[in-house]
């Protein structure tokens, strides 16, 4: 089942970083599990100045 993620970029940032911290070892695993496109998330969060850092496994 595809998860509905927040439309607001700041809320999306919070949800994604929390899930990465607590449940997933990578953005790809999170996106695969939630059935969402990682590029779409990256694009939205780049729009508010955040980039995914693989080493830290979060958007910074």
N, C-alpha and C. Protein backbone atom coordinates (compact mmCIF):
# COMPACT_ATOMS: atom_id res chain seq x y z
N UNK A 1 0.84 -1.18 0.00
CA UNK A 1 0.00 0.00 0.00
C UNK A 1 0.88 1.25 0.00
N UNK A 2 0.58 2.17 -0.88
CA UNK A 2 1.35 3.40 -0.98
C UNK A 2 0.98 4.35 0.15
N UNK A 3 1.99 4.84 0.85
CA UNK A 3 1.76 5.74 1.98
C UNK A 3 1.55 7.16 1.46
N UNK A 4 0.64 7.86 2.10
CA UNK A 4 0.42 9.26 1.80
C UNK A 4 1.38 10.09 2.65
N UNK A 5 2.28 10.79 1.99
CA UNK A 5 3.25 11.62 2.70
C UNK A 5 2.75 13.05 2.76
N UNK A 6 3.20 13.82 3.75
CA UNK A 6 2.77 15.22 3.85
C UNK A 6 3.12 16.01 2.60
N UNK A 7 2.26 16.93 2.24
CA UNK A 7 2.50 17.80 1.08
C UNK A 7 3.42 18.96 1.45
N UNK A 8 3.33 19.41 2.69
CA UNK A 8 4.18 20.51 3.15
C UNK A 8 5.63 20.03 3.23
N UNK A 9 6.56 20.73 2.54
CA UNK A 9 7.97 20.28 2.52
C UNK A 9 8.62 20.15 3.90
N UNK A 10 8.32 21.06 4.83
CA UNK A 10 8.93 20.97 6.16
C UNK A 10 8.38 19.76 6.93
N UNK A 11 7.12 19.48 6.78
CA UNK A 11 6.53 18.29 7.42
C UNK A 11 7.10 17.03 6.78
N UNK A 12 7.26 17.05 5.46
CA UNK A 12 7.85 15.92 4.75
C UNK A 12 9.26 15.66 5.26
N UNK A 13 10.04 16.72 5.41
CA UNK A 13 11.40 16.60 5.94
C UNK A 13 11.40 15.92 7.30
N UNK A 14 10.53 16.36 8.16
CA UNK A 14 10.45 15.79 9.50
C UNK A 14 10.08 14.30 9.46
N UNK A 15 9.08 13.96 8.68
CA UNK A 15 8.63 12.56 8.59
C UNK A 15 9.73 11.68 8.00
N UNK A 16 10.33 12.12 6.91
CA UNK A 16 11.36 11.31 6.24
C UNK A 16 12.57 11.13 7.15
N UNK A 17 13.06 12.20 7.76
CA UNK A 17 14.24 12.07 8.63
C UNK A 17 13.95 11.21 9.85
N UNK A 18 12.75 11.29 10.39
CA UNK A 18 12.39 10.45 11.53
C UNK A 18 12.36 8.98 11.11
N UNK A 19 11.76 8.68 9.98
CA UNK A 19 11.71 7.30 9.50
C UNK A 19 13.11 6.78 9.18
N UNK A 20 13.95 7.62 8.59
CA UNK A 20 15.33 7.20 8.30
C UNK A 20 16.09 6.92 9.59
N UNK A 21 15.90 7.75 10.58
CA UNK A 21 16.60 7.57 11.86
C UNK A 21 16.12 6.32 12.59
N UNK A 22 14.81 6.09 12.59
CA UNK A 22 14.24 5.05 13.44
C UNK A 22 14.04 3.69 12.77
N UNK A 23 13.87 3.67 11.44
CA UNK A 23 13.44 2.41 10.80
C UNK A 23 14.24 1.97 9.57
N UNK A 24 14.90 2.87 8.88
CA UNK A 24 15.51 2.50 7.59
C UNK A 24 16.98 2.84 7.53
N UNK A 25 17.74 1.97 6.87
CA UNK A 25 19.18 2.18 6.73
C UNK A 25 19.53 3.01 5.51
N UNK A 26 18.55 3.30 4.65
CA UNK A 26 18.81 4.14 3.48
C UNK A 26 17.50 4.72 2.94
N UNK A 27 17.64 5.78 2.17
CA UNK A 27 16.48 6.40 1.53
C UNK A 27 15.85 5.43 0.55
N UNK A 28 16.66 4.67 -0.16
CA UNK A 28 16.13 3.71 -1.14
C UNK A 28 15.26 2.65 -0.47
N UNK A 29 15.68 2.14 0.68
CA UNK A 29 14.88 1.15 1.41
C UNK A 29 13.56 1.75 1.88
N UNK A 30 13.62 2.97 2.39
CA UNK A 30 12.40 3.65 2.84
C UNK A 30 11.43 3.81 1.67
N UNK A 31 11.93 4.31 0.55
CA UNK A 31 11.08 4.55 -0.61
C UNK A 31 10.52 3.26 -1.20
N UNK A 32 11.31 2.24 -1.21
CA UNK A 32 10.83 0.94 -1.71
C UNK A 32 9.70 0.43 -0.82
N UNK A 33 9.88 0.52 0.47
CA UNK A 33 8.88 0.04 1.41
C UNK A 33 7.58 0.87 1.33
N UNK A 34 7.72 2.19 1.21
CA UNK A 34 6.56 3.08 1.17
C UNK A 34 5.99 3.25 -0.24
N UNK A 35 6.68 2.67 -1.22
CA UNK A 35 6.27 2.77 -2.63
C UNK A 35 6.18 4.22 -3.10
N UNK A 36 7.25 4.95 -2.83
CA UNK A 36 7.35 6.33 -3.30
C UNK A 36 8.65 6.49 -4.09
N UNK A 37 8.68 7.49 -4.94
CA UNK A 37 9.84 7.75 -5.79
C UNK A 37 10.87 8.57 -5.02
N UNK A 38 12.08 8.04 -4.83
CA UNK A 38 13.10 8.79 -4.08
C UNK A 38 13.47 10.10 -4.76
N UNK A 39 13.42 10.14 -6.08
CA UNK A 39 13.76 11.37 -6.79
C UNK A 39 12.74 12.47 -6.52
N UNK A 40 11.49 12.10 -6.35
CA UNK A 40 10.45 13.07 -6.04
C UNK A 40 10.69 13.68 -4.66
N UNK A 41 11.02 12.84 -3.70
CA UNK A 41 11.32 13.33 -2.35
C UNK A 41 12.55 14.23 -2.38
N UNK A 42 13.59 13.79 -3.06
CA UNK A 42 14.81 14.60 -3.16
C UNK A 42 14.53 15.96 -3.79
N UNK A 43 13.73 15.98 -4.85
CA UNK A 43 13.41 17.22 -5.55
C UNK A 43 12.64 18.18 -4.63
N UNK A 44 11.65 17.67 -3.94
CA UNK A 44 10.86 18.51 -3.03
C UNK A 44 11.75 19.10 -1.94
N UNK A 45 12.59 18.27 -1.34
CA UNK A 45 13.42 18.73 -0.24
C UNK A 45 14.58 19.60 -0.70
N UNK A 46 15.03 19.41 -1.93
CA UNK A 46 16.04 20.32 -2.49
C UNK A 46 15.46 21.71 -2.64
N UNK A 47 14.15 21.76 -2.90
CA UNK A 47 13.46 23.04 -3.05
C UNK A 47 13.47 23.89 -1.78
N UNK A 48 13.69 23.28 -0.64
CA UNK A 48 13.79 24.03 0.62
C UNK A 48 15.21 23.97 1.19
N UNK A 49 16.15 23.57 0.33
CA UNK A 49 17.56 23.64 0.71
C UNK A 49 18.15 22.43 1.38
N UNK A 50 17.51 21.26 1.26
CA UNK A 50 18.02 20.05 1.91
C UNK A 50 18.46 19.02 0.87
N UNK A 51 19.58 18.38 1.16
CA UNK A 51 20.13 17.32 0.31
C UNK A 51 20.25 16.05 1.15
N UNK A 52 20.05 14.90 0.50
CA UNK A 52 20.22 13.63 1.20
C UNK A 52 21.70 13.33 1.36
N UNK A 53 22.12 13.02 2.59
CA UNK A 53 23.48 12.64 2.90
C UNK A 53 23.48 11.16 3.22
N UNK A 54 24.03 10.35 2.30
CA UNK A 54 24.02 8.89 2.48
C UNK A 54 24.78 8.46 3.73
N UNK A 55 25.89 9.10 3.98
CA UNK A 55 26.73 8.74 5.13
C UNK A 55 25.97 8.95 6.44
N UNK A 56 25.25 10.05 6.54
CA UNK A 56 24.48 10.34 7.75
C UNK A 56 23.09 9.75 7.71
N UNK A 57 22.65 9.31 6.53
CA UNK A 57 21.33 8.75 6.30
C UNK A 57 20.23 9.72 6.74
N UNK A 58 20.37 10.96 6.29
CA UNK A 58 19.34 11.95 6.56
C UNK A 58 19.49 13.12 5.61
N UNK A 59 18.44 13.93 5.56
CA UNK A 59 18.49 15.15 4.77
C UNK A 59 19.05 16.24 5.65
N UNK A 60 20.08 16.94 5.14
CA UNK A 60 20.72 18.03 5.89
C UNK A 60 20.82 19.27 5.03
